[in-house]
Every structure is written in C-alpha cells, then in structure tokens.
Amino acid sequence: MNWTGIVALLGFAPPPPAGTQANPTGQLLQVFGTFGIMAVVFYFILIRPQQKKAREHADLLKTLKSGDKIITSSGILGVVVAVKEKSVSIRSADTKLEVIKSAISEVTERSSSSSQS
C-alpha cells in the first residue's frame, strides 16, 4: 500500500474536483476504516497491557506463601504469617494485621524455605 492509500484510508484524502460527486460508499468505508484502526491501536496501547498486568498480579497472589515480605497498596510493609482463601495475615513491626489479598501490591522478597505453610 502506498502513501496515498494510507492517507485516503485515514480520511485525509483531498476533496474531489469541482463538479464531481463524492462516492458515499467510499466515504463510509473511510470512516469505518478509521474507527477500525483506532480500535486496534487502543487495544494494543490500553487494553492488552492492563490485562497482562492483571494476570501477573493474579499469579503473584497465587504463589504467595508464609514468610514472603510484601508491600500493601496502602504502603504497609510486612511479612506473611498465614494465607487464607480471600485474606492474608501479615506481621508488621509488633502488629499482626489481616488484609485482603487484592491489597497486596508487591512481593519484595520470597521466603527461602519451601516447607513453611
């Protein structure tokens, strides 16, 4: 496809010469083509990276185990004491807290022993 074809597809084609009628079907195809290209661009720039990030966060929560050092979305640093179905018990300084799993934003250090539960 040459440069003129790309420009025409995006709807930047020059107006028809005086005395001629524009093809309404061609104009409609240009509009739908432009929206189609915009949809593909939005998918690759906005939607796909967000899905990848959500998938990585879900994997992080699945592999969470006691002894992992974490950071919550509110900025609390702690060590995982117990993992439940929907929540996690953490120890931060001298305090034991229970937070929902979705509040965990990052695992800073994985526990070294694999037999802890």
N, C-alpha and C. Protein backbone atom coordinates (compact mmCIF):
# COMPACT_ATOMS: atom_id res chain seq x y z
N MET A 1 0.86 -1.17 0.00
CA MET A 1 0.00 0.00 0.00
C MET A 1 0.90 1.23 0.00
N ASN A 2 0.61 2.14 -0.89
CA ASN A 2 1.45 3.33 -0.96
C ASN A 2 0.94 4.42 -0.01
N TRP A 3 1.68 5.51 0.06
CA TRP A 3 1.37 6.60 0.99
C TRP A 3 -0.01 7.20 0.72
N THR A 4 -0.38 7.33 -0.55
CA THR A 4 -1.67 7.90 -0.90
C THR A 4 -2.81 7.02 -0.39
N GLY A 5 -2.62 5.71 -0.48
CA GLY A 5 -3.64 4.79 0.01
C GLY A 5 -3.82 4.89 1.52
N ILE A 6 -2.73 5.05 2.24
CA ILE A 6 -2.80 5.18 3.70
C ILE A 6 -3.50 6.48 4.08
N VAL A 7 -3.15 7.56 3.39
CA VAL A 7 -3.77 8.86 3.65
C VAL A 7 -5.26 8.79 3.36
N ALA A 8 -5.64 8.14 2.27
CA ALA A 8 -7.05 8.02 1.92
C ALA A 8 -7.79 7.16 2.93
N LEU A 9 -7.14 6.11 3.42
CA LEU A 9 -7.76 5.23 4.40
C LEU A 9 -8.03 5.96 5.71
N LEU A 10 -7.14 6.85 6.08
CA LEU A 10 -7.31 7.59 7.33
C LEU A 10 -8.27 8.76 7.18
N GLY A 11 -8.76 9.02 6.01
CA GLY A 11 -9.75 10.07 5.83
C GLY A 11 -9.15 11.43 5.54
N PHE A 12 -7.88 11.47 5.13
CA PHE A 12 -7.24 12.74 4.82
C PHE A 12 -7.14 12.98 3.32
N ALA A 13 -7.96 12.31 2.58
CA ALA A 13 -7.92 12.46 1.13
C ALA A 13 -8.36 13.87 0.73
N PRO A 14 -7.80 14.41 -0.33
CA PRO A 14 -8.22 15.75 -0.77
C PRO A 14 -9.66 15.71 -1.28
N PRO A 15 -10.35 16.83 -1.22
CA PRO A 15 -11.73 16.86 -1.71
C PRO A 15 -11.78 16.59 -3.21
N PRO A 16 -12.90 16.06 -3.69
CA PRO A 16 -13.00 15.78 -5.13
C PRO A 16 -12.99 17.10 -5.92
N PRO A 17 -12.55 17.03 -7.17
CA PRO A 17 -12.54 18.24 -8.00
C PRO A 17 -13.95 18.80 -8.15
N ALA A 18 -14.04 20.08 -8.47
CA ALA A 18 -15.33 20.75 -8.61
C ALA A 18 -16.14 20.09 -9.72
N GLY A 19 -17.42 19.93 -9.49
CA GLY A 19 -18.31 19.37 -10.49
C GLY A 19 -18.45 17.86 -10.40
N THR A 20 -17.76 17.21 -9.49
CA THR A 20 -17.91 15.75 -9.34
C THR A 20 -18.51 15.45 -7.98
N GLN A 21 -19.18 14.34 -7.89
CA GLN A 21 -19.81 13.91 -6.64
C GLN A 21 -18.88 12.92 -5.91
N ALA A 22 -18.81 13.05 -4.61
CA ALA A 22 -18.05 12.09 -3.82
C ALA A 22 -18.85 10.82 -3.68
N ASN A 23 -18.17 9.69 -3.65
CA ASN A 23 -18.82 8.40 -3.52
C ASN A 23 -19.20 8.19 -2.05
N PRO A 24 -20.49 8.14 -1.71
CA PRO A 24 -20.87 7.98 -0.30
C PRO A 24 -20.42 6.64 0.28
N THR A 25 -20.38 5.60 -0.52
CA THR A 25 -19.92 4.30 -0.03
C THR A 25 -18.44 4.36 0.33
N GLY A 26 -17.66 5.02 -0.49
CA GLY A 26 -16.24 5.17 -0.22
C GLY A 26 -15.99 5.98 1.05
N GLN A 27 -16.78 7.02 1.26
CA GLN A 27 -16.64 7.83 2.46
C GLN A 27 -17.00 7.01 3.71
N LEU A 28 -18.04 6.20 3.59
CA LEU A 28 -18.45 5.36 4.71
C LEU A 28 -17.36 4.34 5.05
N LEU A 29 -16.74 3.77 4.03
CA LEU A 29 -15.64 2.83 4.26
C LEU A 29 -14.45 3.53 4.91
N GLN A 30 -14.19 4.77 4.54
CA GLN A 30 -13.09 5.52 5.17
C GLN A 30 -13.37 5.73 6.66
N VAL A 31 -14.61 6.07 6.97
CA VAL A 31 -14.96 6.30 8.38
C VAL A 31 -14.82 5.00 9.18
N PHE A 32 -15.37 3.90 8.67
CA PHE A 32 -15.25 2.63 9.37
C PHE A 32 -13.80 2.15 9.44
N GLY A 33 -13.04 2.40 8.39
CA GLY A 33 -11.62 2.04 8.40
C GLY A 33 -10.86 2.81 9.46
N THR A 34 -11.16 4.09 9.58
CA THR A 34 -10.51 4.91 10.60
C THR A 34 -10.86 4.42 11.99
N PHE A 35 -12.14 4.14 12.23
CA PHE A 35 -12.54 3.63 13.55
C PHE A 35 -11.93 2.26 13.83
N GLY A 36 -11.82 1.44 12.81
CA GLY A 36 -11.20 0.12 12.98
C GLY A 36 -9.73 0.24 13.36
N ILE A 37 -9.02 1.12 12.68
CA ILE A 37 -7.60 1.32 13.01
C ILE A 37 -7.46 1.88 14.42
N MET A 38 -8.33 2.81 14.80
CA MET A 38 -8.28 3.37 16.15
C MET A 38 -8.57 2.30 17.20
N ALA A 39 -9.51 1.39 16.92
CA ALA A 39 -9.83 0.32 17.86
C ALA A 39 -8.63 -0.60 18.06
N VAL A 40 -7.94 -0.94 16.98
CA VAL A 40 -6.76 -1.80 17.09
C VAL A 40 -5.66 -1.11 17.90
N VAL A 41 -5.44 0.17 17.64
CA VAL A 41 -4.43 0.93 18.37
C VAL A 41 -4.78 0.99 19.85
N PHE A 42 -6.05 1.27 20.19
CA PHE A 42 -6.47 1.31 21.59
C PHE A 42 -6.28 -0.04 22.26
N TYR A 43 -6.55 -1.12 21.54
CA TYR A 43 -6.39 -2.45 22.11
C TYR A 43 -4.93 -2.69 22.50
N PHE A 44 -4.01 -2.37 21.59
CA PHE A 44 -2.60 -2.65 21.86
C PHE A 44 -1.97 -1.66 22.83
N ILE A 45 -2.49 -0.45 22.93
CA ILE A 45 -1.90 0.55 23.83
C ILE A 45 -2.54 0.52 25.21
N LEU A 46 -3.83 0.30 25.31
CA LEU A 46 -4.53 0.39 26.59
C LEU A 46 -4.97 -0.95 27.16
N ILE A 47 -5.68 -1.73 26.41
CA ILE A 47 -6.36 -2.92 26.94
C ILE A 47 -5.38 -4.06 27.19
N ARG A 48 -4.55 -4.38 26.22
CA ARG A 48 -3.66 -5.53 26.34
C ARG A 48 -2.66 -5.39 27.49
N PRO A 49 -2.00 -4.23 27.67
CA PRO A 49 -1.08 -4.12 28.81
C PRO A 49 -1.79 -4.23 30.16
N GLN A 50 -3.02 -3.72 30.24
CA GLN A 50 -3.77 -3.81 31.50
C GLN A 50 -4.12 -5.27 31.81
N GLN A 51 -4.50 -6.03 30.80
CA GLN A 51 -4.79 -7.44 31.00
C GLN A 51 -3.55 -8.20 31.44
N LYS A 52 -2.40 -7.86 30.87
CA LYS A 52 -1.15 -8.51 31.25
C LYS A 52 -0.81 -8.20 32.70
N LYS A 53 -0.98 -6.96 33.11
CA LYS A 53 -0.70 -6.57 34.48
C LYS A 53 -1.63 -7.28 35.46
N ALA A 54 -2.91 -7.40 35.12
CA ALA A 54 -3.87 -8.10 35.98
C ALA A 54 -3.52 -9.59 36.09
N ARG A 55 -3.09 -10.18 35.00
CA ARG A 55 -2.70 -11.59 35.01
C ARG A 55 -1.45 -11.80 35.89
N GLU A 56 -0.48 -10.90 35.80
CA GLU A 56 0.72 -11.00 36.63
C GLU A 56 0.38 -10.84 38.11
N HIS A 57 -0.55 -9.94 38.44
CA HIS A 57 -0.95 -9.74 39.84
C HIS A 57 -1.67 -10.98 40.37
N ALA A 58 -2.52 -11.59 39.54
CA ALA A 58 -3.21 -12.81 39.96
C ALA A 58 -2.21 -13.95 40.20
N ASP A 59 -1.19 -14.05 39.34
CA ASP A 59 -0.16 -15.07 39.55
C ASP A 59 0.63 -14.81 40.83
N LEU A 60 0.90 -13.53 41.12
CA LEU A 60 1.61 -13.16 42.34
C LEU A 60 0.82 -13.60 43.56
N LEU A 61 -0.49 -13.40 43.54
CA LEU A 61 -1.33 -13.78 44.68
C LEU A 61 -1.44 -15.30 44.82
N LYS A 62 -1.42 -16.02 43.72
CA LYS A 62 -1.50 -17.49 43.78
C LYS A 62 -0.24 -18.10 44.39
N THR A 63 0.90 -17.48 44.16
CA THR A 63 2.16 -18.04 44.64
C THR A 63 2.57 -17.48 46.00
N LEU A 64 1.72 -16.71 46.63
CA LEU A 64 2.01 -16.12 47.93
C LEU A 64 2.04 -17.20 49.00
N LYS A 65 3.05 -17.16 49.86
CA LYS A 65 3.15 -18.14 50.96
C LYS A 65 3.72 -17.45 52.19
N SER A 66 3.62 -18.11 53.31
CA SER A 66 4.10 -17.52 54.55
C SER A 66 5.61 -17.34 54.50
N GLY A 67 6.06 -16.24 55.08
CA GLY A 67 7.48 -15.90 55.06
C GLY A 67 7.84 -14.89 54.00
N ASP A 68 6.96 -14.67 53.02
CA ASP A 68 7.22 -13.67 51.98
C ASP A 68 7.12 -12.27 52.56
N LYS A 69 8.02 -11.40 52.16
CA LYS A 69 7.95 -10.00 52.56
C LYS A 69 7.16 -9.26 51.48
N ILE A 70 6.17 -8.47 51.93
CA ILE A 70 5.26 -7.83 50.99
C ILE A 70 5.11 -6.35 51.28
N ILE A 71 4.53 -5.65 50.30
CA ILE A 71 4.10 -4.27 50.45
C ILE A 71 2.64 -4.22 50.03
N THR A 72 1.79 -3.63 50.87
CA THR A 72 0.38 -3.49 50.51
C THR A 72 0.18 -2.21 49.71
N SER A 73 -0.98 -2.09 49.11
CA SER A 73 -1.27 -0.90 48.31
C SER A 73 -1.35 0.36 49.16
N SER A 74 -1.53 0.21 50.47
CA SER A 74 -1.55 1.38 51.35
C SER A 74 -0.17 1.69 51.91
N GLY A 75 0.84 0.92 51.53
CA GLY A 75 2.20 1.20 51.94
C GLY A 75 2.68 0.49 53.18
N ILE A 76 1.95 -0.48 53.66
CA ILE A 76 2.37 -1.23 54.85
C ILE A 76 3.36 -2.30 54.43
N LEU A 77 4.49 -2.34 55.11
CA LEU A 77 5.49 -3.38 54.88
C LEU A 77 5.27 -4.47 55.90
N GLY A 78 5.30 -5.72 55.46
CA GLY A 78 5.07 -6.80 56.39
C GLY A 78 5.56 -8.13 55.88
N VAL A 79 5.47 -9.12 56.75
CA VAL A 79 5.84 -10.49 56.43
C VAL A 79 4.59 -11.34 56.54
N VAL A 80 4.35 -12.18 55.55
CA VAL A 80 3.15 -13.02 55.54
C VAL A 80 3.28 -14.09 56.62
N VAL A 81 2.24 -14.18 57.46
CA VAL A 81 2.19 -15.19 58.51
C VAL A 81 1.34 -16.37 58.06
N ALA A 82 0.17 -16.09 57.50
CA ALA A 82 -0.74 -17.14 57.04
C ALA A 82 -1.50 -16.66 55.82
N VAL A 83 -1.76 -17.59 54.92
CA VAL A 83 -2.51 -17.29 53.70
C VAL A 83 -3.84 -18.01 53.78
N LYS A 84 -4.93 -17.26 53.65
CA LYS A 84 -6.27 -17.84 53.63
C LYS A 84 -6.84 -17.70 52.23
N GLU A 85 -8.11 -18.08 52.09
CA GLU A 85 -8.71 -18.05 50.76
C GLU A 85 -8.80 -16.63 50.20
N LYS A 86 -9.32 -15.68 50.98
CA LYS A 86 -9.50 -14.33 50.50
C LYS A 86 -8.66 -13.29 51.23
N SER A 87 -7.98 -13.69 52.28
CA SER A 87 -7.20 -12.73 53.06
C SER A 87 -5.83 -13.31 53.40
N VAL A 88 -4.98 -12.43 53.91
CA VAL A 88 -3.63 -12.80 54.29
C VAL A 88 -3.35 -12.17 55.64
N SER A 89 -2.79 -12.93 56.56
CA SER A 89 -2.35 -12.38 57.85
C SER A 89 -0.90 -11.99 57.70
N ILE A 90 -0.59 -10.74 58.08
CA ILE A 90 0.79 -10.27 57.99
C ILE A 90 1.25 -9.74 59.34
N ARG A 91 2.55 -9.75 59.52
CA ARG A 91 3.16 -9.20 60.73
C ARG A 91 3.97 -7.98 60.29
N SER A 92 3.65 -6.84 60.89
CA SER A 92 4.36 -5.60 60.60
C SER A 92 4.79 -5.00 61.92
N ALA A 93 6.08 -4.93 62.15
CA ALA A 93 6.65 -4.49 63.43
C ALA A 93 6.11 -5.39 64.53
N ASP A 94 5.39 -4.85 65.50
CA ASP A 94 4.84 -5.66 66.59
C ASP A 94 3.35 -5.92 66.40
N THR A 95 2.84 -5.67 65.23
CA THR A 95 1.41 -5.76 64.97
C THR A 95 1.10 -6.87 63.99
N LYS A 96 0.02 -7.59 64.25
CA LYS A 96 -0.45 -8.61 63.32
C LYS A 96 -1.71 -8.06 62.66
N LEU A 97 -1.72 -8.04 61.33
CA LEU A 97 -2.83 -7.50 60.57
C LEU A 97 -3.38 -8.56 59.63
N GLU A 98 -4.64 -8.41 59.30
CA GLU A 98 -5.24 -9.27 58.29
C GLU A 98 -5.76 -8.37 57.17
N VAL A 99 -5.26 -8.58 55.98
CA VAL A 99 -5.64 -7.77 54.83
C VAL A 99 -6.17 -8.67 53.72
N ILE A 100 -7.00 -8.10 52.85
CA ILE A 100 -7.48 -8.89 51.71
C ILE A 100 -6.35 -9.05 50.70
N LYS A 101 -6.39 -10.13 49.96
CA LYS A 101 -5.30 -10.44 49.04
C LYS A 101 -5.10 -9.37 47.97
N SER A 102 -6.19 -8.77 47.51
CA SER A 102 -6.06 -7.78 46.45
C SER A 102 -5.33 -6.52 46.90
N ALA A 103 -5.16 -6.33 48.22
CA ALA A 103 -4.45 -5.17 48.73
C ALA A 103 -2.94 -5.34 48.65
N ILE A 104 -2.47 -6.52 48.33
CA ILE A 104 -1.03 -6.75 48.21
C ILE A 104 -0.59 -6.29 46.83
N SER A 105 0.34 -5.34 46.82
CA SER A 105 0.77 -4.80 45.55
C SER A 105 2.10 -5.37 45.07
N GLU A 106 2.93 -5.85 46.00
CA GLU A 106 4.26 -6.29 45.58
C GLU A 106 4.83 -7.27 46.60
N VAL A 107 5.56 -8.25 46.10
CA VAL A 107 6.33 -9.14 46.97
C VAL A 107 7.78 -8.71 46.82
N THR A 108 8.35 -8.21 47.91
CA THR A 108 9.72 -7.70 47.84
C THR A 108 10.76 -8.79 48.00
N GLU A 109 10.42 -9.83 48.77
CA GLU A 109 11.37 -10.92 48.98
C GLU A 109 10.59 -12.21 49.23
N ARG A 110 10.94 -13.24 48.49
CA ARG A 110 10.32 -14.55 48.68
C ARG A 110 10.97 -15.27 49.85
N SER A 111 10.18 -16.09 50.55
CA SER A 111 10.74 -16.85 51.67
C SER A 111 11.69 -17.90 51.12
N SER A 112 12.75 -18.17 51.88
CA SER A 112 13.78 -19.09 51.40
C SER A 112 13.42 -20.55 51.65
N SER A 113 12.64 -20.84 52.68
CA SER A 113 12.28 -22.23 52.95
C SER A 113 11.00 -22.59 52.24
N SER A 114 11.00 -23.75 51.61
CA SER A 114 9.82 -24.17 50.84
C SER A 114 8.86 -25.00 51.67
N SER A 115 9.24 -25.40 52.88
CA SER A 115 8.37 -26.26 53.70
C SER A 115 7.47 -25.46 54.64
N GLN A 116 7.63 -24.13 54.70
CA GLN A 116 6.77 -23.33 55.58
C GLN A 116 5.38 -23.22 55.02
N SER A 117 4.37 -23.19 55.90
CA SER A 117 2.99 -23.00 55.46
C SER A 117 2.27 -22.13 56.44
